[in-house]
Every structure is written in C-alpha cells, then in structure tokens.
Amino acid sequence: AIFVAFTEQTSKHGAPYYILMVIMVIFIFIGCIYSYSRDMFGGKSIARRILKQKVVDINTGIPIGGWRSFKREIIIHFAPLILIELILISSNKDRRRMGDNWAKTIVVKDKS
C-alpha cells in the first residue's frame, strides 16, 4: 500500500522510485525465505519460540533442519489444499497437517 501511494504521488522515474522498488523486492525476498524456512533453526520459528513449541522428527525427536522445514511449508502455499489441511488437522488424533505427514515431523512442547 505504501508503494502504491508513493508511486501515485510521484513520477515513476527517479531515485526515490527505484530505491523504493529495491526495498520492496528485499522485503518480498526476506518474506519468502522466512516463509519456507521459519522452523529451520532448532525447529523453532519466532512464534514457536514465544509459544514454547518446536518441530521435531517424528521418529527421533530431533529438531528439523532446512529441507524438512521447506517440505512442511510448501504444501500450505497451495490454496486448494488449505481446506484439506483443516479437515486433516481436525480429524487426525496427532493434529498433524499434510506438511507434517510428508516431512515426517510433529510439533511438540519445548521443555527448555
């Protein structure tokens, strides 16, 4: 919204426009990276740290890394699957979603 408002008030040329474009691309890039790798470090995203949770391997209990974090999150980005995710979570006794089943992970309380 800030980008649109700024470009409507100024011409689409010149340094301020290009600086804002670069800043916007950086924020989008950082957002995408975080979206797919948020549980990569110790199995904890920022929200999971606040809620004292972590994502671990279902068999070993070891916190997940980058590839598993990516596998968990990629499914949620396909809009038609969101409804299936909600049904799966509500009907599954472990409350695991499709991403968890695919990556063989589970969210647990963090004891530390």
Protein backbone atom coordinates (compact mmCIF):
# COMPACT_ATOMS: atom_id res chain seq x y z
CA ALA A 1 0.00 0.00 0.00
CA ILE A 2 2.84 2.39 0.82
CA PHE A 3 4.47 1.57 -2.51
CA VAL A 4 1.27 2.25 -4.48
CA ALA A 5 0.57 5.50 -2.61
CA PHE A 6 4.14 6.69 -3.14
CA THR A 7 4.18 5.89 -6.86
CA GLU A 8 0.82 7.61 -7.39
CA GLN A 9 2.14 10.81 -5.83
CA THR A 10 5.45 10.85 -7.66
CA SER A 11 6.54 10.06 -11.14
CA LYS A 12 7.63 6.51 -11.83
CA HIS A 13 11.14 7.68 -12.56
CA GLY A 14 13.97 8.92 -10.48
CA ALA A 15 15.92 7.78 -7.46
CA PRO A 16 13.10 7.63 -4.86
CA TYR A 17 11.07 5.31 -7.07
CA TYR A 18 13.97 2.93 -7.70
CA ILE A 19 15.06 2.95 -4.06
CA LEU A 20 11.52 2.04 -3.01
CA MET A 21 11.44 -0.72 -5.64
CA VAL A 22 14.67 -2.21 -4.28
CA ILE A 23 13.38 -2.03 -0.69
CA MET A 24 10.12 -3.71 -1.74
CA VAL A 25 11.96 -6.52 -3.54
CA ILE A 26 14.20 -7.06 -0.50
CA PHE A 27 11.17 -7.31 1.82
CA ILE A 28 9.41 -9.74 -0.52
CA PHE A 29 12.57 -11.86 -0.77
CA ILE A 30 13.06 -11.93 3.01
CA GLY A 31 9.38 -12.80 3.49
CA CYS A 32 9.60 -15.71 1.04
CA ILE A 33 12.77 -17.06 2.61
CA TYR A 34 11.29 -16.83 6.11
CA SER A 35 8.01 -18.38 4.99
CA TYR A 36 9.70 -21.56 3.78
CA SER A 37 12.46 -21.86 6.37
CA ARG A 38 10.93 -20.49 9.56
CA ASP A 39 11.34 -23.70 11.56
CA MET A 40 14.85 -24.33 10.26
CA PHE A 41 16.84 -23.24 13.30
CA GLY A 42 16.28 -25.63 16.17
CA GLY A 43 12.79 -26.43 14.89
CA LYS A 44 11.53 -23.07 16.15
CA SER A 45 10.08 -20.07 14.33
CA ILE A 46 9.66 -16.75 16.11
CA ALA A 47 6.08 -17.64 17.07
CA ARG A 48 7.09 -21.14 18.18
CA ARG A 49 9.71 -19.63 20.49
CA ILE A 50 7.04 -17.43 22.07
CA LEU A 51 4.61 -20.35 22.38
CA LYS A 52 7.38 -22.67 23.66
CA GLN A 53 6.96 -25.20 20.86
CA LYS A 54 9.29 -26.83 18.38
CA VAL A 55 9.05 -29.01 15.29
CA VAL A 56 10.84 -32.34 15.57
CA ASP A 57 11.35 -35.52 13.57
CA ILE A 58 8.52 -37.88 14.46
CA ASN A 59 10.84 -40.87 14.90
CA THR A 60 13.92 -39.40 16.58
CA GLY A 61 12.62 -36.27 18.31
CA ILE A 62 15.48 -34.22 16.87
CA PRO A 63 14.60 -30.65 15.75
CA ILE A 64 14.23 -30.31 11.99
CA GLY A 65 16.53 -28.54 9.57
CA GLY A 66 16.15 -26.60 6.35
CA TRP A 67 14.90 -29.24 3.91
CA ARG A 68 12.26 -30.56 6.28
CA SER A 69 11.12 -27.03 7.11
CA PHE A 70 10.72 -26.38 3.38
CA LYS A 71 8.77 -29.62 2.89
CA ARG A 72 6.41 -28.76 5.77
CA GLU A 73 5.65 -25.28 4.46
CA ILE A 74 5.44 -25.80 0.70
CA ILE A 75 2.08 -27.56 0.89
CA ILE A 76 0.33 -24.75 2.74
CA HIS A 77 1.09 -22.37 -0.14
CA PHE A 78 -1.28 -24.17 -2.49
CA ALA A 79 -4.68 -22.55 -1.82
CA PRO A 80 -6.93 -25.55 -2.63
CA LEU A 81 -5.07 -27.64 -0.08
CA ILE A 82 -5.86 -25.31 2.83
CA LEU A 83 -9.35 -26.76 3.27
CA ILE A 84 -7.95 -30.29 3.13
CA GLU A 85 -5.35 -29.25 5.72
CA LEU A 86 -8.06 -28.02 8.09
CA ILE A 87 -10.05 -31.24 7.71
CA LEU A 88 -6.93 -33.34 8.22
CA ILE A 89 -5.89 -31.43 11.35
CA SER A 90 -9.34 -31.70 12.92
CA SER A 91 -9.73 -35.39 12.14
CA ASN A 92 -6.19 -36.51 12.99
CA LYS A 93 -5.57 -37.52 16.62
CA ASP A 94 -1.98 -36.23 16.43
CA ARG A 95 -3.19 -32.89 14.96
CA ARG A 96 -0.61 -33.21 12.18
CA ARG A 97 -1.14 -31.49 8.86
CA MET A 98 -0.19 -32.73 5.39
CA GLY A 99 3.14 -30.94 5.54
CA ASP A 100 3.94 -32.74 8.79
CA ASN A 101 2.95 -36.09 7.32
CA TRP A 102 5.09 -35.50 4.22
CA ALA A 103 8.11 -34.28 6.17
CA LYS A 104 7.58 -36.83 8.97
CA THR A 105 7.51 -34.14 11.65
CA ILE A 106 5.38 -33.17 14.61
CA VAL A 107 5.00 -30.01 16.71
CA VAL A 108 5.73 -30.60 20.41
CA LYS A 109 6.04 -28.50 23.56
CA ASP A 110 9.57 -27.30 24.18
CA LYS A 111 10.74 -28.28 27.65
CA SER A 112 13.75 -25.94 27.70
